C-alpha atoms as a PDB file:
ATOM      1  CA  MET A   1      -4.815   2.240 -24.062  1.00  0.00           C
ATOM      2  CA  ALA A   2      -6.842  -0.973 -24.167  1.00  0.00           C
ATOM      3  CA  THR A   3     -10.455  -0.322 -25.113  1.00  0.00           C
ATOM      4  CA  VAL A   4     -13.457  -2.467 -26.026  1.00  0.00           C
ATOM      5  CA  GLY A   5     -17.036  -1.429 -26.726  1.00  0.00           C
ATOM      6  CA  ASN A   6     -18.773   0.690 -24.114  1.00  0.00           C
ATOM      7  CA  LEU A   7     -16.341  -0.422 -21.407  1.00  0.00           C
ATOM      8  CA  GLY A   8     -14.166   2.442 -22.616  1.00  0.00           C
ATOM      9  CA  ALA A   9     -10.411   2.747 -22.347  1.00  0.00           C
ATOM     10  CA  LEU A  10      -8.368   0.993 -19.693  1.00  0.00           C
ATOM     11  CA  GLN A  11      -6.300   3.678 -18.013  1.00  0.00           C
ATOM     12  CA  THR A  12      -6.067   2.484 -14.403  1.00  0.00           C
ATOM     13  CA  LEU A  13      -5.646  -1.097 -13.228  1.00  0.00           C
ATOM     14  CA  GLY A  14      -6.184  -2.131  -9.623  1.00  0.00           C
ATOM     15  CA  VAL A  15      -4.488  -5.060  -7.905  1.00  0.00           C
ATOM     16  CA  VAL A  16      -5.639  -6.522  -4.580  1.00  0.00           C
ATOM     17  CA  GLY A  17      -2.835  -8.412  -2.858  1.00  0.00           C
ATOM     18  CA  ALA A  18       0.805  -7.323  -2.906  1.00  0.00           C
ATOM     19  CA  GLY A  19       2.432 -10.750  -2.739  1.00  0.00           C
ATOM     20  CA  GLN A  20       4.555 -12.339  -5.433  1.00  0.00           C
ATOM     21  CA  MET A  21       1.732 -12.492  -7.962  1.00  0.00           C
ATOM     22  CA  GLY A  22       0.247  -9.104  -7.116  1.00  0.00           C
ATOM     23  CA  ASN A  23       3.484  -7.167  -7.340  1.00  0.00           C
ATOM     24  CA  GLY A  24       4.292  -8.912 -10.624  1.00  0.00           C
ATOM     25  CA  ILE A  25       0.936  -7.912 -12.110  1.00  0.00           C
ATOM     26  CA  ALA A  26       1.474  -4.337 -10.896  1.00  0.00           C
ATOM     27  CA  GLN A  27       4.914  -4.270 -12.526  1.00  0.00           C
ATOM     28  CA  VAL A  28       3.785  -5.448 -15.972  1.00  0.00           C
ATOM     29  CA  ALA A  29       0.760  -3.147 -15.942  1.00  0.00           C
ATOM     30  CA  ALA A  30       2.834  -0.100 -14.995  1.00  0.00           C
ATOM     31  CA  SER A  31       5.488  -1.007 -17.570  1.00  0.00           C
ATOM     32  CA  ALA A  32       2.727  -1.136 -20.195  1.00  0.00           C
ATOM     33  CA  GLY A  33       1.773   2.455 -19.364  1.00  0.00           C
ATOM     34  CA  PHE A  34      -1.227   1.918 -17.093  1.00  0.00           C
ATOM     35  CA  ALA A  35      -1.710   3.697 -13.794  1.00  0.00           C
ATOM     36  CA  VAL A  36      -1.724   1.086 -11.007  1.00  0.00           C
ATOM     37  CA  ARG A  37      -3.502   1.070  -7.658  1.00  0.00           C
ATOM     38  CA  LEU A  38      -1.882  -1.673  -5.566  1.00  0.00           C
ATOM     39  CA  ASN A  39      -3.751  -2.659  -2.396  1.00  0.00           C
ATOM     40  CA  ASP A  40      -2.930  -4.877   0.557  1.00  0.00           C
ATOM     41  CA  VAL A  41      -4.072  -5.024   4.180  1.00  0.00           C
ATOM     42  CA  SER A  42      -0.414  -4.893   5.246  1.00  0.00           C
ATOM     43  CA  ALA A  43       1.642  -1.723   4.858  1.00  0.00           C
ATOM     44  CA  ALA A  44       4.780  -3.841   5.259  1.00  0.00           C
ATOM     45  CA  ALA A  45       3.711  -6.045   2.358  1.00  0.00           C
ATOM     46  CA  LEU A  46       3.152  -2.999   0.176  1.00  0.00           C
ATOM     47  CA  GLU A  47       6.588  -1.610   1.041  1.00  0.00           C
ATOM     48  CA  LYS A  48       8.192  -4.961   0.247  1.00  0.00           C
ATOM     49  CA  ALA A  49       6.268  -5.177  -3.031  1.00  0.00           C
ATOM     50  CA  TYR A  50       7.373  -1.715  -4.131  1.00  0.00           C
ATOM     51  CA  LYS A  51      11.016  -2.529  -3.361  1.00  0.00           C
ATOM     52  CA  THR A  52      10.698  -5.808  -5.239  1.00  0.00           C
ATOM     53  CA  ILE A  53       9.319  -4.046  -8.309  1.00  0.00           C
ATOM     54  CA  GLU A  54      12.053  -1.405  -8.063  1.00  0.00           C
ATOM     55  CA  GLY A  55      14.708  -4.126  -7.938  1.00  0.00           C
ATOM     56  CA  ASN A  56      13.161  -6.073 -10.805  1.00  0.00           C
ATOM     57  CA  LEU A  57      13.032  -3.003 -13.027  1.00  0.00           C
ATOM     58  CA  ALA A  58      16.636  -2.152 -12.163  1.00  0.00           C
ATOM     59  CA  ARG A  59      17.716  -5.617 -13.341  1.00  0.00           C
ATOM     60  CA  VAL A  60      15.791  -5.187 -16.586  1.00  0.00           C
ATOM     61  CA  VAL A  61      17.549  -1.844 -17.132  1.00  0.00           C
ATOM     62  CA  LYS A  62      20.933  -3.432 -16.419  1.00  0.00           C
ATOM     63  CA  LYS A  63      20.248  -6.107 -19.036  1.00  0.00           C
ATOM     64  CA  GLY A  64      19.302  -3.473 -21.582  1.00  0.00           C
ATOM     65  CA  GLY A  65      15.641  -4.412 -21.751  1.00  0.00           C
ATOM     66  CA  LEU A  66      14.396  -1.028 -20.549  1.00  0.00           C
ATOM     67  CA  SER A  67      15.742   2.489 -20.300  1.00  0.00           C
ATOM     68  CA  ALA A  68      16.339   4.024 -16.891  1.00  0.00           C
ATOM     69  CA  GLU A  69      13.803   6.724 -17.741  1.00  0.00           C
ATOM     70  CA  ALA A  70      11.141   4.147 -18.618  1.00  0.00           C
ATOM     71  CA  ALA A  71      11.771   2.252 -15.377  1.00  0.00           C
ATOM     72  CA  THR A  72      11.426   5.456 -13.352  1.00  0.00           C
ATOM     73  CA  ALA A  73       8.209   6.310 -15.194  1.00  0.00           C
ATOM     74  CA  ALA A  74       6.790   2.823 -14.518  1.00  0.00           C
ATOM     75  CA  LEU A  75       7.529   3.120 -10.791  1.00  0.00           C
ATOM     76  CA  GLY A  76       5.851   6.505 -10.781  1.00  0.00           C
ATOM     77  CA  ARG A  77       2.631   4.959 -12.079  1.00  0.00           C
ATOM     78  CA  ILE A  78       2.323   2.639  -9.067  1.00  0.00           C
ATOM     79  CA  HIS A  79       0.444   3.942  -6.042  1.00  0.00           C
ATOM     80  CA  THR A  80       0.032   1.753  -2.969  1.00  0.00           C
ATOM     81  CA  SER A  81      -2.602   1.852  -0.232  1.00  0.00           C
ATOM     82  CA  THR A  82      -4.025  -0.246   2.573  1.00  0.00           C
ATOM     83  CA  GLU A  83      -7.413   1.336   1.816  1.00  0.00           C
ATOM     84  CA  LEU A  84      -9.751  -0.014  -0.863  1.00  0.00           C
ATOM     85  CA  ALA A  85     -11.108   3.398  -1.909  1.00  0.00           C
ATOM     86  CA  PRO A  86      -8.373   4.155  -4.528  1.00  0.00           C
ATOM     87  CA  LEU A  87      -9.493   1.062  -6.447  1.00  0.00           C
ATOM     88  CA  GLY A  88     -12.632   2.996  -7.336  1.00  0.00           C
ATOM     89  CA  GLU A  89     -10.514   4.789  -9.963  1.00  0.00           C
ATOM     90  CA  ALA A  90      -9.794   1.537 -11.838  1.00  0.00           C
ATOM     91  CA  GLN A  91     -11.594   0.216 -14.897  1.00  0.00           C
ATOM     92  CA  LEU A  92     -10.143  -3.249 -14.264  1.00  0.00           C
ATOM     93  CA  VAL A  93      -9.288  -4.784 -10.871  1.00  0.00           C
ATOM     94  CA  VAL A  94      -7.421  -8.067 -10.420  1.00  0.00           C
ATOM     95  CA  GLU A  95      -7.700  -9.929  -7.115  1.00  0.00           C
ATOM     96  CA  ALA A  96      -4.420 -11.716  -6.394  1.00  0.00           C
ATOM     97  CA  ALA A  97      -4.909 -13.053  -2.877  1.00  0.00           C
ATOM     98  CA  THR A  98      -4.015 -16.512  -1.579  1.00  0.00           C
ATOM     99  CA  GLU A  99      -5.736 -19.494  -3.224  1.00  0.00           C
ATOM    100  CA  ASN A 100      -8.503 -19.656  -0.637  1.00  0.00           C
ATOM    101  CA  ARG A 101     -12.159 -19.366  -1.630  1.00  0.00           C
ATOM    102  CA  ASN A 102     -13.416 -17.888   1.638  1.00  0.00           C
ATOM    103  CA  LEU A 103     -10.676 -15.258   1.682  1.00  0.00           C
ATOM    104  CA  LYS A 104     -11.497 -14.221  -1.875  1.00  0.00           C
ATOM    105  CA  LEU A 105     -15.201 -13.967  -1.112  1.00  0.00           C
ATOM    106  CA  ALA A 106     -14.473 -11.802   1.938  1.00  0.00           C
ATOM    107  CA  ILE A 107     -12.385  -9.497  -0.261  1.00  0.00           C
ATOM    108  CA  PHE A 108     -15.119  -9.200  -2.882  1.00  0.00           C
ATOM    109  CA  GLN A 109     -17.703  -8.347  -0.231  1.00  0.00           C
ATOM    110  CA  LYS A 110     -15.655  -5.330   0.849  1.00  0.00           C
ATOM    111  CA  LEU A 111     -14.336  -4.458  -2.592  1.00  0.00           C
ATOM    112  CA  CYS A 112     -17.455  -4.368  -4.762  1.00  0.00           C
ATOM    113  CA  PRO A 113     -19.116  -1.373  -3.025  1.00  0.00           C
ATOM    114  CA  VAL A 114     -16.089   0.864  -3.738  1.00  0.00           C
ATOM    115  CA  LEU A 115     -15.704  -0.086  -7.401  1.00  0.00           C
ATOM    116  CA  ASP A 116     -17.084   1.919 -10.288  1.00  0.00           C
ATOM    117  CA  PRO A 117     -20.344   0.248 -11.407  1.00  0.00           C
ATOM    118  CA  GLY A 118     -18.864  -0.380 -14.841  1.00  0.00           C
ATOM    119  CA  ALA A 119     -15.526  -1.744 -13.686  1.00  0.00           C
ATOM    120  CA  VAL A 120     -14.474  -5.286 -14.587  1.00  0.00           C
ATOM    121  CA  LEU A 121     -13.371  -7.535 -11.712  1.00  0.00           C
ATOM    122  CA  CYS A 122     -11.038 -10.483 -12.270  1.00  0.00           C
ATOM    123  CA  SER A 123      -9.555 -13.156 -10.056  1.00  0.00           C
ATOM    124  CA  ASN A 124      -6.032 -14.494 -10.467  1.00  0.00           C
ATOM    125  CA  THR A 125      -7.231 -17.823  -9.054  1.00  0.00           C
ATOM    126  CA  SER A 126      -5.485 -20.834 -10.533  1.00  0.00           C
ATOM    127  CA  SER A 127      -8.214 -23.380  -9.827  1.00  0.00           C
ATOM    128  CA  ILE A 128     -11.350 -22.066  -8.044  1.00  0.00           C
ATOM    129  CA  SER A 129     -14.649 -21.883  -9.938  1.00  0.00           C
ATOM    130  CA  ILE A 130     -15.112 -18.519 -11.637  1.00  0.00           C
ATOM    131  CA  THR A 131     -18.873 -19.024 -11.810  1.00  0.00           C
ATOM    132  CA  ASP A 132     -18.981 -19.553  -8.051  1.00  0.00           C
ATOM    133  CA  LEU A 133     -16.803 -16.522  -7.279  1.00  0.00           C
ATOM    134  CA  ALA A 134     -18.769 -14.328  -9.694  1.00  0.00           C
ATOM    135  CA  ALA A 135     -22.051 -15.261  -8.024  1.00  0.00           C
ATOM    136  CA  HIS A 136     -20.809 -13.618  -4.821  1.00  0.00           C
ATOM    137  CA  THR A 137     -20.193 -10.252  -6.496  1.00  0.00           C
ATOM    138  CA  ASP A 138     -22.493  -7.483  -7.724  1.00  0.00           C
ATOM    139  CA  ARG A 139     -21.202  -7.822 -11.310  1.00  0.00           C
ATOM    140  CA  PRO A 140     -21.179 -11.495 -12.427  1.00  0.00           C
ATOM    141  CA  GLU A 141     -21.364 -10.515 -16.102  1.00  0.00           C
ATOM    142  CA  ARG A 142     -18.245  -8.361 -15.626  1.00  0.00           C
ATOM    143  CA  PHE A 143     -16.276 -10.971 -13.734  1.00  0.00           C
ATOM    144  CA  MET A 144     -13.821 -13.568 -15.053  1.00  0.00           C
ATOM    145  CA  GLY A 145     -10.576 -15.378 -14.359  1.00  0.00           C
ATOM    146  CA  MET A 146      -7.304 -13.700 -15.329  1.00  0.00           C
ATOM    147  CA  HIS A 147      -4.653 -16.211 -14.283  1.00  0.00           C
ATOM    148  CA  PHE A 148      -1.123 -14.846 -14.654  1.00  0.00           C
ATOM    149  CA  MET A 149       1.802 -17.252 -14.476  1.00  0.00           C
ATOM    150  CA  ASN A 150       4.601 -16.966 -11.922  1.00  0.00           C
ATOM    151  CA  PRO A 151       6.886 -15.016 -12.153  1.00  0.00           C
ATOM    152  CA  VAL A 152       4.564 -12.582 -13.879  1.00  0.00           C
ATOM    153  CA  PRO A 153       7.192 -10.270 -15.462  1.00  0.00           C
ATOM    154  CA  VAL A 154       8.944 -13.268 -17.061  1.00  0.00           C
ATOM    155  CA  MET A 155       6.134 -15.631 -18.052  1.00  0.00           C
ATOM    156  CA  SER A 156       4.300 -14.620 -21.207  1.00  0.00           C
ATOM    157  CA  LEU A 157       1.028 -16.464 -20.600  1.00  0.00           C
ATOM    158  CA  VAL A 158      -2.280 -15.293 -19.159  1.00  0.00           C
ATOM    159  CA  GLU A 159      -4.935 -17.985 -18.847  1.00  0.00           C
ATOM    160  CA  LEU A 160      -8.403 -16.489 -19.257  1.00  0.00           C
ATOM    161  CA  ILE A 161     -11.423 -18.224 -17.782  1.00  0.00           C
ATOM    162  CA  ARG A 162     -15.002 -17.191 -18.353  1.00  0.00           C
ATOM    163  CA  GLY A 163     -17.788 -18.115 -15.975  1.00  0.00           C
ATOM    164  CA  ILE A 164     -21.304 -18.945 -17.073  1.00  0.00           C
ATOM    165  CA  GLN A 165     -22.283 -15.289 -16.500  1.00  0.00           C
ATOM    166  CA  THR A 166     -19.244 -13.627 -18.152  1.00  0.00           C
ATOM    167  CA  SER A 167     -20.254 -11.400 -21.067  1.00  0.00           C
ATOM    168  CA  ASP A 168     -18.538 -11.449 -24.444  1.00  0.00           C
ATOM    169  CA  GLU A 169     -17.721  -7.769 -23.959  1.00  0.00           C
ATOM    170  CA  THR A 170     -15.919  -8.513 -20.692  1.00  0.00           C
ATOM    171  CA  LEU A 171     -13.899 -11.295 -22.300  1.00  0.00           C
ATOM    172  CA  ASP A 172     -12.903  -8.980 -25.164  1.00  0.00           C
ATOM    173  CA  PHE A 173     -11.935  -6.208 -22.736  1.00  0.00           C
ATOM    174  CA  VAL A 174      -9.733  -8.442 -20.554  1.00  0.00           C
ATOM    175  CA  THR A 175      -8.169 -10.103 -23.604  1.00  0.00           C
ATOM    176  CA  THR A 176      -7.265  -6.699 -25.029  1.00  0.00           C
ATOM    177  CA  ALA A 177      -5.853  -5.573 -21.675  1.00  0.00           C
ATOM    178  CA  SER A 178      -3.728  -8.736 -21.449  1.00  0.00           C
ATOM    179  CA  HIS A 179      -2.315  -8.182 -24.914  1.00  0.00           C
ATOM    180  CA  ALA A 180      -1.566  -4.549 -24.057  1.00  0.00           C
ATOM    181  CA  MET A 181       0.601  -5.874 -21.212  1.00  0.00           C
ATOM    182  CA  GLY A 182       2.548  -7.987 -23.692  1.00  0.00           C
ATOM    183  CA  LYS A 183       0.924 -11.291 -22.750  1.00  0.00           C
ATOM    184  CA  THR A 184      -0.228 -14.220 -24.861  1.00  0.00           C
ATOM    185  CA  THR A 185      -3.683 -15.459 -23.852  1.00  0.00           C
ATOM    186  CA  VAL A 186      -5.374 -18.847 -23.867  1.00  0.00           C
ATOM    187  CA  LEU A 187      -9.049 -19.318 -23.089  1.00  0.00           C
ATOM    188  CA  ALA A 188     -10.560 -21.930 -20.815  1.00  0.00           C
ATOM    189  CA  SER A 189     -14.041 -21.796 -22.297  1.00  0.00           C
ATOM    190  CA  LYS A 190     -15.377 -24.251 -19.692  1.00  0.00           C
ATOM    191  CA  ASP A 191     -15.228 -23.311 -16.018  1.00  0.00           C
ATOM    192  CA  VAL A 192     -13.906 -26.586 -14.614  1.00  0.00           C
ATOM    193  CA  PRO A 193     -11.558 -27.131 -11.627  1.00  0.00           C
ATOM    194  CA  GLY A 194      -7.955 -26.319 -12.523  1.00  0.00           C
ATOM    195  CA  PHE A 195      -8.907 -24.821 -15.905  1.00  0.00           C
ATOM    196  CA  ILE A 196      -6.178 -25.675 -18.470  1.00  0.00           C
ATOM    197  CA  VAL A 197      -2.793 -25.191 -16.832  1.00  0.00           C
ATOM    198  CA  ASN A 198      -3.349 -26.702 -13.415  1.00  0.00           C
ATOM    199  CA  ARG A 199      -5.690 -29.430 -14.669  1.00  0.00           C
ATOM    200  CA  VAL A 200      -2.608 -30.802 -16.452  1.00  0.00           C
ATOM    201  CA  LEU A 201       0.251 -29.505 -14.289  1.00  0.00           C
ATOM    202  CA  MET A 202      -0.825 -30.375 -10.758  1.00  0.00           C
ATOM    203  CA  PRO A 203      -1.521 -34.087 -11.319  1.00  0.00           C
ATOM    204  CA  TYR A 204       1.930 -34.253 -12.948  1.00  0.00           C
ATOM    205  CA  ILE A 205       3.547 -32.674  -9.888  1.00  0.00           C
ATOM    206  CA  ASN A 206       1.466 -34.804  -7.526  1.00  0.00           C
ATOM    207  CA  GLU A 207       2.514 -37.983  -9.341  1.00  0.00           C
ATOM    208  CA  ALA A 208       6.171 -36.966  -8.960  1.00  0.00           C
ATOM    209  CA  VAL A 209       5.594 -36.464  -5.224  1.00  0.00           C
ATOM    210  CA  GLN A 210       3.934 -39.884  -5.044  1.00  0.00           C
ATOM    211  CA  ALA A 211       6.873 -41.472  -6.873  1.00  0.00           C
ATOM    212  CA  LEU A 212       9.193 -40.012  -4.232  1.00  0.00           C
ATOM    213  CA  TYR A 213       6.844 -41.193  -1.458  1.00  0.00           C
ATOM    214  CA  GLU A 214       6.891 -44.740  -2.839  1.00  0.00           C
ATOM    215  CA  GLY A 215      10.689 -44.732  -3.096  1.00  0.00           C
ATOM    216  CA  ILE A 216      10.715 -45.205  -6.873  1.00  0.00           C
ATOM    217  CA  ALA A 217      13.651 -42.801  -7.193  1.00  0.00           C
ATOM    218  CA  SER A 218      15.442 -39.986  -5.380  1.00  0.00           C
ATOM    219  CA  ARG A 219      14.254 -36.399  -5.624  1.00  0.00           C
ATOM    220  CA  GLU A 220      17.238 -35.564  -7.835  1.00  0.00           C
ATOM    221  CA  ASP A 221      16.657 -38.479 -10.204  1.00  0.00           C
ATOM    222  CA  ILE A 222      12.949 -37.756 -10.535  1.00  0.00           C
ATOM    223  CA  ASP A 223      13.696 -34.146 -11.438  1.00  0.00           C
ATOM    224  CA  THR A 224      16.573 -35.042 -13.764  1.00  0.00           C
ATOM    225  CA  ALA A 225      14.497 -37.712 -15.518  1.00  0.00           C
ATOM    226  CA  MET A 226      11.685 -35.283 -16.284  1.00  0.00           C
ATOM    227  CA  ARG A 227      13.941 -32.327 -17.057  1.00  0.00           C
ATOM    228  CA  LEU A 228      16.128 -34.181 -19.545  1.00  0.00           C
ATOM    229  CA  GLY A 229      13.551 -36.737 -20.648  1.00  0.00           C
ATOM    230  CA  THR A 230      10.836 -34.233 -21.537  1.00  0.00           C
ATOM    231  CA  ASN A 231      12.971 -31.117 -22.125  1.00  0.00           C
ATOM    232  CA  VAL A 232      11.289 -28.985 -19.457  1.00  0.00           C
ATOM    233  CA  PRO A 233      13.417 -26.300 -17.764  1.00  0.00           C
ATOM    234  CA  MET A 234      12.605 -27.412 -14.216  1.00  0.00           C
ATOM    235  CA  GLY A 235      11.878 -30.793 -12.657  1.00  0.00           C
ATOM    236  CA  PRO A 236       8.469 -31.317 -11.003  1.00  0.00           C
ATOM    237  CA  LEU A 237       9.723 -31.348  -7.401  1.00  0.00           C
ATOM    238  CA  THR A 238      11.808 -28.219  -7.929  1.00  0.00           C
ATOM    239  CA  LEU A 239       8.799 -26.608  -9.588  1.00  0.00           C
ATOM    240  CA  ALA A 240       6.565 -27.575  -6.662  1.00  0.00           C
ATOM    241  CA  ASP A 241       8.993 -25.890  -4.260  1.00  0.00           C
ATOM    242  CA  PHE A 242       8.951 -22.790  -6.457  1.00  0.00           C
ATOM    243  CA  ILE A 243       5.142 -22.659  -6.602  1.00  0.00           C
ATOM    244  CA  GLY A 244       4.719 -23.423  -2.897  1.00  0.00           C
ATOM    245  CA  LEU A 245       3.647 -26.816  -1.586  1.00  0.00           C
ATOM    246  CA  ASP A 246       0.673 -25.273   0.206  1.00  0.00           C
ATOM    247  CA  THR A 247      -0.559 -23.858  -3.095  1.00  0.00           C
ATOM    248  CA  CYS A 248      -0.038 -27.217  -4.804  1.00  0.00           C
ATOM    249  CA  LEU A 249      -2.046 -28.951  -2.081  1.00  0.00           C
ATOM    250  CA  ALA A 250      -4.826 -26.364  -2.235  1.00  0.00           C
ATOM    251  CA  ILE A 251      -5.173 -26.854  -5.994  1.00  0.00           C
ATOM    252  CA  MET A 252      -5.137 -30.656  -5.686  1.00  0.00           C
ATOM    253  CA  ASP A 253      -7.915 -30.379  -3.104  1.00  0.00           C
ATOM    254  CA  VAL A 254      -9.953 -28.215  -5.481  1.00  0.00           C
ATOM    255  CA  LEU A 255      -9.465 -30.773  -8.260  1.00  0.00           C
ATOM    256  CA  TYR A 256     -10.348 -33.708  -6.005  1.00  0.00           C
ATOM    257  CA  ASN A 257     -13.386 -32.090  -4.411  1.00  0.00           C
ATOM    258  CA  GLY A 258     -14.630 -30.634  -7.681  1.00  0.00           C
ATOM    259  CA  LEU A 259     -14.163 -33.659  -9.941  1.00  0.00           C
ATOM    260  CA  ARG A 260     -14.710 -36.458  -7.389  1.00  0.00           C
ATOM    261  CA  ASP A 261     -12.059 -38.628  -9.020  1.00  0.00           C
ATOM    262  CA  SER A 262      -9.484 -40.453  -6.884  1.00  0.00           C
ATOM    263  CA  LYS A 263      -6.731 -39.739  -9.407  1.00  0.00           C
ATOM    264  CA  TYR A 264      -6.730 -36.159  -8.115  1.00  0.00           C
ATOM    265  CA  ARG A 265      -6.220 -37.111  -4.462  1.00  0.00           C
ATOM    266  CA  ALA A 266      -3.116 -35.416  -3.030  1.00  0.00           C
ATOM    267  CA  SER A 267      -0.146 -37.613  -2.221  1.00  0.00           C
ATOM    268  CA  PRO A 268       0.209 -38.279   1.524  1.00  0.00           C
ATOM    269  CA  LEU A 269       3.745 -36.909   1.289  1.00  0.00           C
ATOM    270  CA  LEU A 270       2.470 -33.577  -0.051  1.00  0.00           C
ATOM    271  CA  VAL A 271      -0.070 -33.393   2.776  1.00  0.00           C
ATOM    272  CA  ASN A 272       2.607 -34.133   5.375  1.00  0.00           C
ATOM    273  CA  MET A 273       5.095 -31.639   3.936  1.00  0.00           C
ATOM    274  CA  VAL A 274       2.524 -28.870   4.229  1.00  0.00           C
ATOM    275  CA  ALA A 275       1.582 -29.970   7.747  1.00  0.00           C
ATOM    276  CA  ALA A 276       5.271 -29.783   8.694  1.00  0.00           C
ATOM    277  CA  GLY A 277       5.542 -26.229   7.335  1.00  0.00           C
ATOM    278  CA  ARG A 278       7.994 -27.263   4.625  1.00  0.00           C
ATOM    279  CA  LEU A 279       6.403 -25.237   1.863  1.00  0.00           C
ATOM    280  CA  GLY A 280       9.320 -24.785  -0.521  1.00  0.00           C
ATOM    281  CA  ARG A 281      11.414 -21.770  -1.359  1.00  0.00           C
ATOM    282  CA  LYS A 282       9.328 -19.337   0.669  1.00  0.00           C
ATOM    283  CA  THR A 283      10.057 -21.183   3.915  1.00  0.00           C
ATOM    284  CA  GLY A 284      13.598 -22.224   3.050  1.00  0.00           C
ATOM    285  CA  ARG A 285      12.768 -25.914   2.875  1.00  0.00           C
ATOM    286  CA  GLY A 286      10.538 -28.136   0.782  1.00  0.00           C
ATOM    287  CA  PHE A 287      11.693 -31.102  -1.224  1.00  0.00           C
ATOM    288  CA  TYR A 288      15.016 -29.251  -1.348  1.00  0.00           C
ATOM    289  CA  GLU A 289      16.763 -26.879   1.041  1.00  0.00           C
ATOM    290  CA  TYR A 290      17.149 -23.167   0.284  1.00  0.00           C
ATOM    291  CA  PRO A 291      19.693 -21.431   2.560  1.00  0.00           C
ATOM    292  CA  ALA A 292      18.931 -17.833   3.404  1.00  0.00           C
ATOM    293  CA  ARG A 293      20.867 -15.377   1.277  1.00  0.00           C
END
């Protein structure tokens, strides 16, 4: 089990939010041998998350990456609840709610009183200030960013972000926990909007959207040019659909508002796509169409 200093051993990991990111974090933690307490306000979301994890593990077993016994054991380590109280058993809790500052703060207000006083609290935010979020908790020195990549079971990276208040001990503890889950970590040592990944990625995606808006090329040619010209596995417009255009817009707004530089202003096309409800894969239509299976 992961252990650092007087934080003790990580045995139970809590996850708040059972969406795509939350269920992925729960899966990798349970597969690494940790007990998992998965929370969401929606019982239906928790049921869907559990079935998703079950299906993902079954595919890993089919490919020979995991034994059937190990998959069953991992599922058995995951306990779901719409109540926050079970999270009090966790030494580390990761908030994986939508990229919305006010929503996250509302969660922390309810969550902190039920946590063990020594527990570490992390946010899976991909762009929001860790220092700001930490200041609205009762444990700013034991708070930091733990940004998993999507899809969590496949992507090997965890981007770690420390706030001004984050202690060295907390950073060591979360780093060790990430490695125990089989992840490679990078550290954003400065708490700036977008951190490392989205500070670079989102302007790239936004510029591709702007190129489409200006009629420079078709969606297919923009994606093909970047996929074959830079040897990335997915073109920027396809990637935006995969991430969710609403999430892309939210991150661009954080960059623009936080850095006050016009180069981070969201493309009008991205704004209009979100306004039209064309959010990408999750709605069946974004820059491309995704027929229901």
